[in-house]
Each structure stands twice: as structure tokens, then as C-alpha cells.
Amino acid sequence: MGYNFILRLVDPVHRYGFAMVLHNIGAAELRTGLGRVLSLTRVQPHTIYYNSKTSFVCDISNEHESIELIESNHSSLMKIECSLYKKQLHKWIDAYNNNWVRGAVLVQAVVNAIPVEQPL
């Protein structure tokens, strides 16, 4: 096993996301993970927004030249969505004796189906 990270790609407009577990956040692992995630998306993204905590994404920018990478803070709606994902993932971890690897993808499927309230 040895998975320690989750790569998540979430459409900020439709709030539909994909999750992929990773062993590490090195360029080779990111290439593979992002390639897998992009193969699942119905529409290829034109832009990927990332925050300063995930600036390692830039390591793979040359391999996805059709995708613009922009550093930006998450919107309030994306912060709510991320919080919901983490909350659901921790429930899974607690309920299934730390088997979060399979849970990462299953929880993403659940979160995709849960409506997120718009911030006031």
C-alpha cells in the first residue's frame, strides 16, 4: 500500500470531482495520478487552480501544456466543498479502521451527490 496523499480535481462550477490516491507528491507520481484523473473526466479542463500548499502541481506543467495552471485561493464555495469531503473522509476512516485508500474514491462519489449550500 503506502498511499499517503489524495489528488483531487474538482470542477468549481459543477462541484463534481475525482479523487486519486498517491504514494507521494513527486513529479512522476503526480503525472500518473493526474493522467488517471484526466482520463476519467468527461471534459478536459482548460485551467487548473491550485493554492500555495499545492504548488508542487507546477512540476508537471510542461506535460499538460493545454492546461493553464493558476495559483489562486479557493472560493468560499470550494472551501465548503473541501470541508465536506474531509468530514466525510474522516467518518470513513473512523468507521473502517483506517482503510482510507478505497474510501478516498468512494467518499468523492458520495460528496459528488450531496448538494452544497451556497454561502450567504
N, C-alpha and C. Protein backbone atom coordinates (compact mmCIF):
# COMPACT_ATOMS: atom_id res chain seq x y z
N MET A 1 0.84 -1.19 0.00
CA MET A 1 0.00 0.00 0.00
C MET A 1 0.88 1.25 0.00
N GLY A 2 1.05 1.89 1.15
CA GLY A 2 1.92 3.04 1.24
C GLY A 2 1.36 4.32 0.65
N TYR A 3 0.05 4.42 0.49
CA TYR A 3 -0.54 5.65 -0.04
C TYR A 3 -0.64 6.68 1.08
N ASN A 4 -0.18 7.89 0.80
CA ASN A 4 -0.16 8.93 1.82
C ASN A 4 -0.87 10.21 1.40
N PHE A 5 -1.24 10.33 0.12
CA PHE A 5 -1.81 11.57 -0.39
C PHE A 5 -3.02 11.29 -1.26
N ILE A 6 -3.86 12.31 -1.39
CA ILE A 6 -5.02 12.23 -2.27
C ILE A 6 -4.93 13.40 -3.24
N LEU A 7 -4.97 13.10 -4.53
CA LEU A 7 -5.04 14.12 -5.57
C LEU A 7 -6.51 14.26 -5.94
N ARG A 8 -7.05 15.46 -5.74
CA ARG A 8 -8.46 15.70 -6.06
C ARG A 8 -8.54 16.79 -7.11
N LEU A 9 -9.38 16.57 -8.09
CA LEU A 9 -9.68 17.55 -9.11
C LEU A 9 -11.17 17.79 -9.02
N VAL A 10 -11.58 19.04 -8.77
CA VAL A 10 -13.00 19.36 -8.60
C VAL A 10 -13.36 20.49 -9.54
N ASP A 11 -14.41 20.30 -10.32
CA ASP A 11 -14.93 21.34 -11.20
C ASP A 11 -15.60 22.39 -10.31
N PRO A 12 -15.07 23.62 -10.27
CA PRO A 12 -15.63 24.62 -9.35
C PRO A 12 -17.03 25.09 -9.73
N VAL A 13 -17.42 24.91 -10.97
CA VAL A 13 -18.75 25.33 -11.40
C VAL A 13 -19.79 24.28 -11.04
N HIS A 14 -19.52 23.04 -11.43
CA HIS A 14 -20.49 21.97 -11.19
C HIS A 14 -20.25 21.23 -9.88
N ARG A 15 -19.09 21.49 -9.24
CA ARG A 15 -18.70 20.88 -7.98
C ARG A 15 -18.54 19.37 -8.09
N TYR A 16 -18.35 18.85 -9.27
CA TYR A 16 -18.17 17.42 -9.47
C TYR A 16 -16.67 17.14 -9.44
N GLY A 17 -16.26 16.13 -8.67
CA GLY A 17 -14.84 15.90 -8.52
C GLY A 17 -14.41 14.47 -8.71
N PHE A 18 -13.10 14.30 -8.74
CA PHE A 18 -12.46 13.00 -8.85
C PHE A 18 -11.33 12.95 -7.82
N ALA A 19 -11.10 11.77 -7.27
CA ALA A 19 -10.04 11.61 -6.29
C ALA A 19 -9.17 10.42 -6.68
N MET A 20 -7.88 10.57 -6.46
CA MET A 20 -6.91 9.52 -6.78
C MET A 20 -5.89 9.47 -5.66
N VAL A 21 -5.65 8.29 -5.11
CA VAL A 21 -4.65 8.17 -4.04
C VAL A 21 -3.25 8.10 -4.65
N LEU A 22 -2.28 8.68 -3.94
CA LEU A 22 -0.90 8.72 -4.41
C LEU A 22 0.04 8.26 -3.30
N HIS A 23 1.16 7.68 -3.70
CA HIS A 23 2.18 7.29 -2.73
C HIS A 23 2.92 8.51 -2.21
N ASN A 24 3.21 9.44 -3.11
CA ASN A 24 3.95 10.65 -2.72
C ASN A 24 3.54 11.77 -3.66
N ILE A 25 4.11 12.94 -3.49
CA ILE A 25 3.75 14.06 -4.36
C ILE A 25 4.92 14.46 -5.26
N GLY A 26 5.70 13.46 -5.65
CA GLY A 26 6.77 13.69 -6.60
C GLY A 26 6.22 13.83 -8.01
N ALA A 27 7.01 14.38 -8.91
CA ALA A 27 6.56 14.64 -10.27
C ALA A 27 6.06 13.38 -10.98
N ALA A 28 6.77 12.26 -10.83
CA ALA A 28 6.36 11.03 -11.52
C ALA A 28 5.00 10.53 -11.02
N GLU A 29 4.81 10.56 -9.72
CA GLU A 29 3.54 10.12 -9.14
C GLU A 29 2.40 11.06 -9.52
N LEU A 30 2.69 12.37 -9.54
CA LEU A 30 1.67 13.34 -9.95
C LEU A 30 1.28 13.16 -11.41
N ARG A 31 2.27 12.90 -12.27
CA ARG A 31 1.99 12.65 -13.68
C ARG A 31 1.00 11.50 -13.84
N THR A 32 1.30 10.41 -13.15
CA THR A 32 0.45 9.22 -13.25
C THR A 32 -0.94 9.51 -12.69
N GLY A 33 -1.00 10.11 -11.51
CA GLY A 33 -2.27 10.41 -10.88
C GLY A 33 -3.12 11.37 -11.68
N LEU A 34 -2.50 12.45 -12.16
CA LEU A 34 -3.25 13.42 -12.95
C LEU A 34 -3.70 12.79 -14.27
N GLY A 35 -2.85 11.98 -14.86
CA GLY A 35 -3.25 11.29 -16.10
C GLY A 35 -4.46 10.41 -15.88
N ARG A 36 -4.48 9.70 -14.76
CA ARG A 36 -5.64 8.85 -14.44
C ARG A 36 -6.89 9.69 -14.21
N VAL A 37 -6.74 10.76 -13.44
CA VAL A 37 -7.89 11.61 -13.17
C VAL A 37 -8.42 12.23 -14.46
N LEU A 38 -7.53 12.74 -15.30
CA LEU A 38 -7.96 13.36 -16.56
C LEU A 38 -8.60 12.35 -17.50
N SER A 39 -8.21 11.08 -17.40
CA SER A 39 -8.83 10.07 -18.26
C SER A 39 -10.27 9.78 -17.84
N LEU A 40 -10.63 10.15 -16.60
CA LEU A 40 -11.99 9.92 -16.09
C LEU A 40 -12.93 11.09 -16.36
N THR A 41 -12.36 12.28 -16.57
CA THR A 41 -13.21 13.46 -16.74
C THR A 41 -13.90 13.43 -18.10
N ARG A 42 -15.14 13.90 -18.09
CA ARG A 42 -15.91 13.95 -19.34
C ARG A 42 -15.40 15.06 -20.25
N VAL A 43 -15.01 16.17 -19.63
CA VAL A 43 -14.49 17.32 -20.37
C VAL A 43 -13.13 17.67 -19.78
N GLN A 44 -12.13 17.75 -20.62
CA GLN A 44 -10.79 18.09 -20.14
C GLN A 44 -10.76 19.54 -19.66
N PRO A 45 -10.16 19.79 -18.51
CA PRO A 45 -10.11 21.17 -18.02
C PRO A 45 -9.16 22.03 -18.85
N HIS A 46 -9.51 23.31 -18.96
CA HIS A 46 -8.64 24.28 -19.62
C HIS A 46 -7.72 24.93 -18.59
N THR A 47 -8.22 24.98 -17.35
CA THR A 47 -7.49 25.64 -16.28
C THR A 47 -7.55 24.79 -15.02
N ILE A 48 -6.43 24.69 -14.33
CA ILE A 48 -6.41 24.06 -13.01
C ILE A 48 -5.92 25.12 -12.03
N TYR A 49 -6.76 25.38 -11.02
CA TYR A 49 -6.40 26.32 -9.97
C TYR A 49 -5.81 25.53 -8.81
N TYR A 50 -4.78 26.04 -8.23
CA TYR A 50 -4.14 25.40 -7.09
C TYR A 50 -3.78 26.49 -6.10
N ASN A 51 -3.60 26.10 -4.83
CA ASN A 51 -3.19 27.10 -3.85
C ASN A 51 -1.73 26.92 -3.50
N SER A 52 -1.21 27.79 -2.66
CA SER A 52 0.22 27.75 -2.35
C SER A 52 0.64 26.44 -1.70
N LYS A 53 -0.28 25.75 -1.02
CA LYS A 53 0.03 24.47 -0.39
C LYS A 53 0.22 23.37 -1.43
N THR A 54 -0.33 23.55 -2.62
CA THR A 54 -0.23 22.52 -3.66
C THR A 54 0.56 23.02 -4.87
N SER A 55 1.54 23.88 -4.62
CA SER A 55 2.34 24.44 -5.72
C SER A 55 3.18 23.38 -6.42
N PHE A 56 3.31 22.19 -5.82
CA PHE A 56 4.05 21.10 -6.46
C PHE A 56 3.39 20.68 -7.77
N VAL A 57 2.16 21.07 -7.99
CA VAL A 57 1.46 20.74 -9.24
C VAL A 57 2.21 21.33 -10.44
N CYS A 58 2.88 22.44 -10.22
CA CYS A 58 3.62 23.08 -11.32
C CYS A 58 4.73 22.20 -11.87
N ASP A 59 5.16 21.20 -11.12
CA ASP A 59 6.20 20.29 -11.58
C ASP A 59 5.80 19.54 -12.85
N ILE A 60 4.52 19.46 -13.11
CA ILE A 60 4.06 18.70 -14.27
C ILE A 60 3.47 19.59 -15.36
N SER A 61 3.66 20.91 -15.23
CA SER A 61 3.04 21.84 -16.18
C SER A 61 3.49 21.63 -17.62
N ASN A 62 4.73 21.22 -17.84
CA ASN A 62 5.23 21.02 -19.21
C ASN A 62 4.55 19.85 -19.91
N GLU A 63 4.04 18.91 -19.15
CA GLU A 63 3.43 17.74 -19.74
C GLU A 63 1.96 17.92 -20.07
N HIS A 64 1.38 19.01 -19.59
CA HIS A 64 -0.02 19.31 -19.87
C HIS A 64 -0.11 20.75 -20.35
N GLU A 65 0.52 21.03 -21.48
CA GLU A 65 0.62 22.39 -21.98
C GLU A 65 -0.73 22.99 -22.37
N SER A 66 -1.73 22.14 -22.64
CA SER A 66 -3.05 22.67 -22.99
C SER A 66 -3.84 23.11 -21.77
N ILE A 67 -3.32 22.83 -20.57
CA ILE A 67 -3.98 23.20 -19.32
C ILE A 67 -3.19 24.33 -18.66
N GLU A 68 -3.88 25.42 -18.40
CA GLU A 68 -3.24 26.55 -17.72
C GLU A 68 -3.31 26.32 -16.22
N LEU A 69 -2.19 26.45 -15.54
CA LEU A 69 -2.13 26.30 -14.09
C LEU A 69 -2.06 27.69 -13.46
N ILE A 70 -3.02 27.99 -12.57
CA ILE A 70 -3.11 29.31 -11.96
C ILE A 70 -3.16 29.17 -10.45
N GLU A 71 -2.25 29.86 -9.76
CA GLU A 71 -2.29 29.86 -8.30
C GLU A 71 -3.37 30.84 -7.85
N SER A 72 -4.27 30.34 -7.03
CA SER A 72 -5.39 31.16 -6.57
C SER A 72 -5.94 30.57 -5.28
N ASN A 73 -6.46 31.42 -4.41
CA ASN A 73 -7.12 30.92 -3.22
C ASN A 73 -8.46 30.30 -3.62
N HIS A 74 -8.89 29.31 -2.86
CA HIS A 74 -10.18 28.69 -3.15
C HIS A 74 -11.30 29.67 -2.85
N SER A 75 -12.37 29.58 -3.65
CA SER A 75 -13.55 30.38 -3.38
C SER A 75 -14.23 29.85 -2.12
N SER A 76 -15.17 30.62 -1.58
CA SER A 76 -15.86 30.17 -0.37
C SER A 76 -16.64 28.89 -0.63
N LEU A 77 -17.20 28.73 -1.82
CA LEU A 77 -17.94 27.51 -2.15
C LEU A 77 -17.00 26.30 -2.22
N MET A 78 -15.80 26.49 -2.78
CA MET A 78 -14.85 25.39 -2.84
C MET A 78 -14.32 25.04 -1.45
N LYS A 79 -14.19 26.03 -0.58
CA LYS A 79 -13.77 25.74 0.79
C LYS A 79 -14.81 24.90 1.50
N ILE A 80 -16.09 25.19 1.27
CA ILE A 80 -17.17 24.41 1.86
C ILE A 80 -17.13 22.98 1.31
N GLU A 81 -16.93 22.85 0.01
CA GLU A 81 -16.88 21.53 -0.63
C GLU A 81 -15.71 20.72 -0.09
N CYS A 82 -14.57 21.35 0.07
CA CYS A 82 -13.38 20.67 0.59
C CYS A 82 -13.61 20.23 2.04
N SER A 83 -14.22 21.09 2.81
CA SER A 83 -14.53 20.76 4.20
C SER A 83 -15.48 19.56 4.28
N LEU A 84 -16.47 19.54 3.40
CA LEU A 84 -17.42 18.42 3.35
C LEU A 84 -16.70 17.12 3.01
N TYR A 85 -15.79 17.18 2.04
CA TYR A 85 -15.03 15.99 1.65
C TYR A 85 -14.21 15.47 2.84
N LYS A 86 -13.49 16.36 3.50
CA LYS A 86 -12.65 15.95 4.64
C LYS A 86 -13.49 15.36 5.76
N LYS A 87 -14.63 15.97 6.02
CA LYS A 87 -15.53 15.48 7.08
C LYS A 87 -16.00 14.06 6.76
N GLN A 88 -16.42 13.84 5.53
CA GLN A 88 -16.90 12.52 5.12
C GLN A 88 -15.76 11.51 5.13
N LEU A 89 -14.57 11.91 4.71
CA LEU A 89 -13.42 11.01 4.70
C LEU A 89 -13.05 10.58 6.12
N HIS A 90 -13.08 11.51 7.06
CA HIS A 90 -12.76 11.15 8.44
C HIS A 90 -13.81 10.19 9.02
N LYS A 91 -15.06 10.35 8.62
CA LYS A 91 -16.09 9.39 9.06
C LYS A 91 -15.75 8.00 8.53
N TRP A 92 -15.32 7.93 7.28
CA TRP A 92 -14.95 6.65 6.67
C TRP A 92 -13.76 6.04 7.41
N ILE A 93 -12.75 6.85 7.65
CA ILE A 93 -11.54 6.38 8.34
C ILE A 93 -11.90 5.81 9.71
N ASP A 94 -12.72 6.54 10.44
CA ASP A 94 -13.11 6.09 11.78
C ASP A 94 -13.94 4.81 11.74
N ALA A 95 -14.83 4.70 10.77
CA ALA A 95 -15.74 3.55 10.70
C ALA A 95 -15.08 2.29 10.16
N TYR A 96 -14.05 2.41 9.34
CA TYR A 96 -13.47 1.24 8.67
C TYR A 96 -11.99 1.04 9.00
N ASN A 97 -11.63 1.30 10.23
CA ASN A 97 -10.28 1.00 10.71
C ASN A 97 -9.17 1.53 9.81
N ASN A 98 -9.24 2.79 9.50
CA ASN A 98 -8.21 3.49 8.73
C ASN A 98 -8.05 3.01 7.29
N ASN A 99 -9.05 2.35 6.72
CA ASN A 99 -8.99 1.95 5.32
C ASN A 99 -9.43 3.12 4.44
N TRP A 100 -8.60 4.17 4.41
CA TRP A 100 -8.99 5.37 3.70
C TRP A 100 -8.67 5.32 2.21
N VAL A 101 -7.84 4.38 1.78
CA VAL A 101 -7.44 4.32 0.37
C VAL A 101 -8.67 4.11 -0.52
N ARG A 102 -9.43 3.07 -0.24
CA ARG A 102 -10.66 2.85 -1.01
C ARG A 102 -11.68 3.93 -0.69
N GLY A 103 -11.69 4.38 0.56
CA GLY A 103 -12.63 5.39 0.97
C GLY A 103 -12.46 6.71 0.26
N ALA A 104 -11.24 7.07 -0.12
CA ALA A 104 -10.99 8.35 -0.79
C ALA A 104 -11.82 8.50 -2.04
N VAL A 105 -11.91 7.43 -2.82
CA VAL A 105 -12.68 7.46 -4.07
C VAL A 105 -14.18 7.34 -3.78
N LEU A 106 -14.54 6.46 -2.85
CA LEU A 106 -15.95 6.28 -2.53
C LEU A 106 -16.54 7.53 -1.90
N VAL A 107 -15.79 8.16 -1.01
CA VAL A 107 -16.27 9.39 -0.39
C VAL A 107 -16.43 10.48 -1.44
N GLN A 108 -15.53 10.53 -2.44
CA GLN A 108 -15.69 11.52 -3.50
C GLN A 108 -17.00 11.29 -4.24
N ALA A 109 -17.35 10.04 -4.49
CA ALA A 109 -18.62 9.74 -5.16
C ALA A 109 -19.81 10.21 -4.32
N VAL A 110 -19.72 10.03 -3.00
CA VAL A 110 -20.79 10.49 -2.11
C VAL A 110 -20.87 12.01 -2.13
N VAL A 111 -19.73 12.67 -2.01
CA VAL A 111 -19.70 14.13 -2.00
C VAL A 111 -20.23 14.69 -3.32
N ASN A 112 -19.95 14.01 -4.42
CA ASN A 112 -20.47 14.46 -5.72
C ASN A 112 -21.99 14.51 -5.72
N ALA A 113 -22.62 13.66 -4.92
CA ALA A 113 -24.07 13.57 -4.91
C ALA A 113 -24.73 14.45 -3.85
N ILE A 114 -23.96 15.01 -2.91
CA ILE A 114 -24.52 15.82 -1.83
C ILE A 114 -24.56 17.28 -2.27
N PRO A 115 -25.72 17.90 -2.18
CA PRO A 115 -25.77 19.34 -2.53
C PRO A 115 -25.03 20.16 -1.48
N VAL A 116 -24.32 21.17 -1.94
CA VAL A 116 -23.61 22.08 -1.05
C VAL A 116 -24.38 23.38 -1.01
N GLU A 117 -24.66 23.85 0.21
CA GLU A 117 -25.39 25.11 0.35
C GLU A 117 -24.52 26.27 -0.09
N GLN A 118 -25.14 27.19 -0.80
CA GLN A 118 -24.43 28.38 -1.25
C GLN A 118 -24.14 29.27 -0.04
N PRO A 119 -22.95 29.85 0.04
CA PRO A 119 -22.67 30.78 1.15
C PRO A 119 -23.54 32.03 1.02
N LEU A 120 -23.87 32.60 2.16
CA LEU A 120 -24.72 33.81 2.15
C LEU A 120 -23.96 35.02 1.76
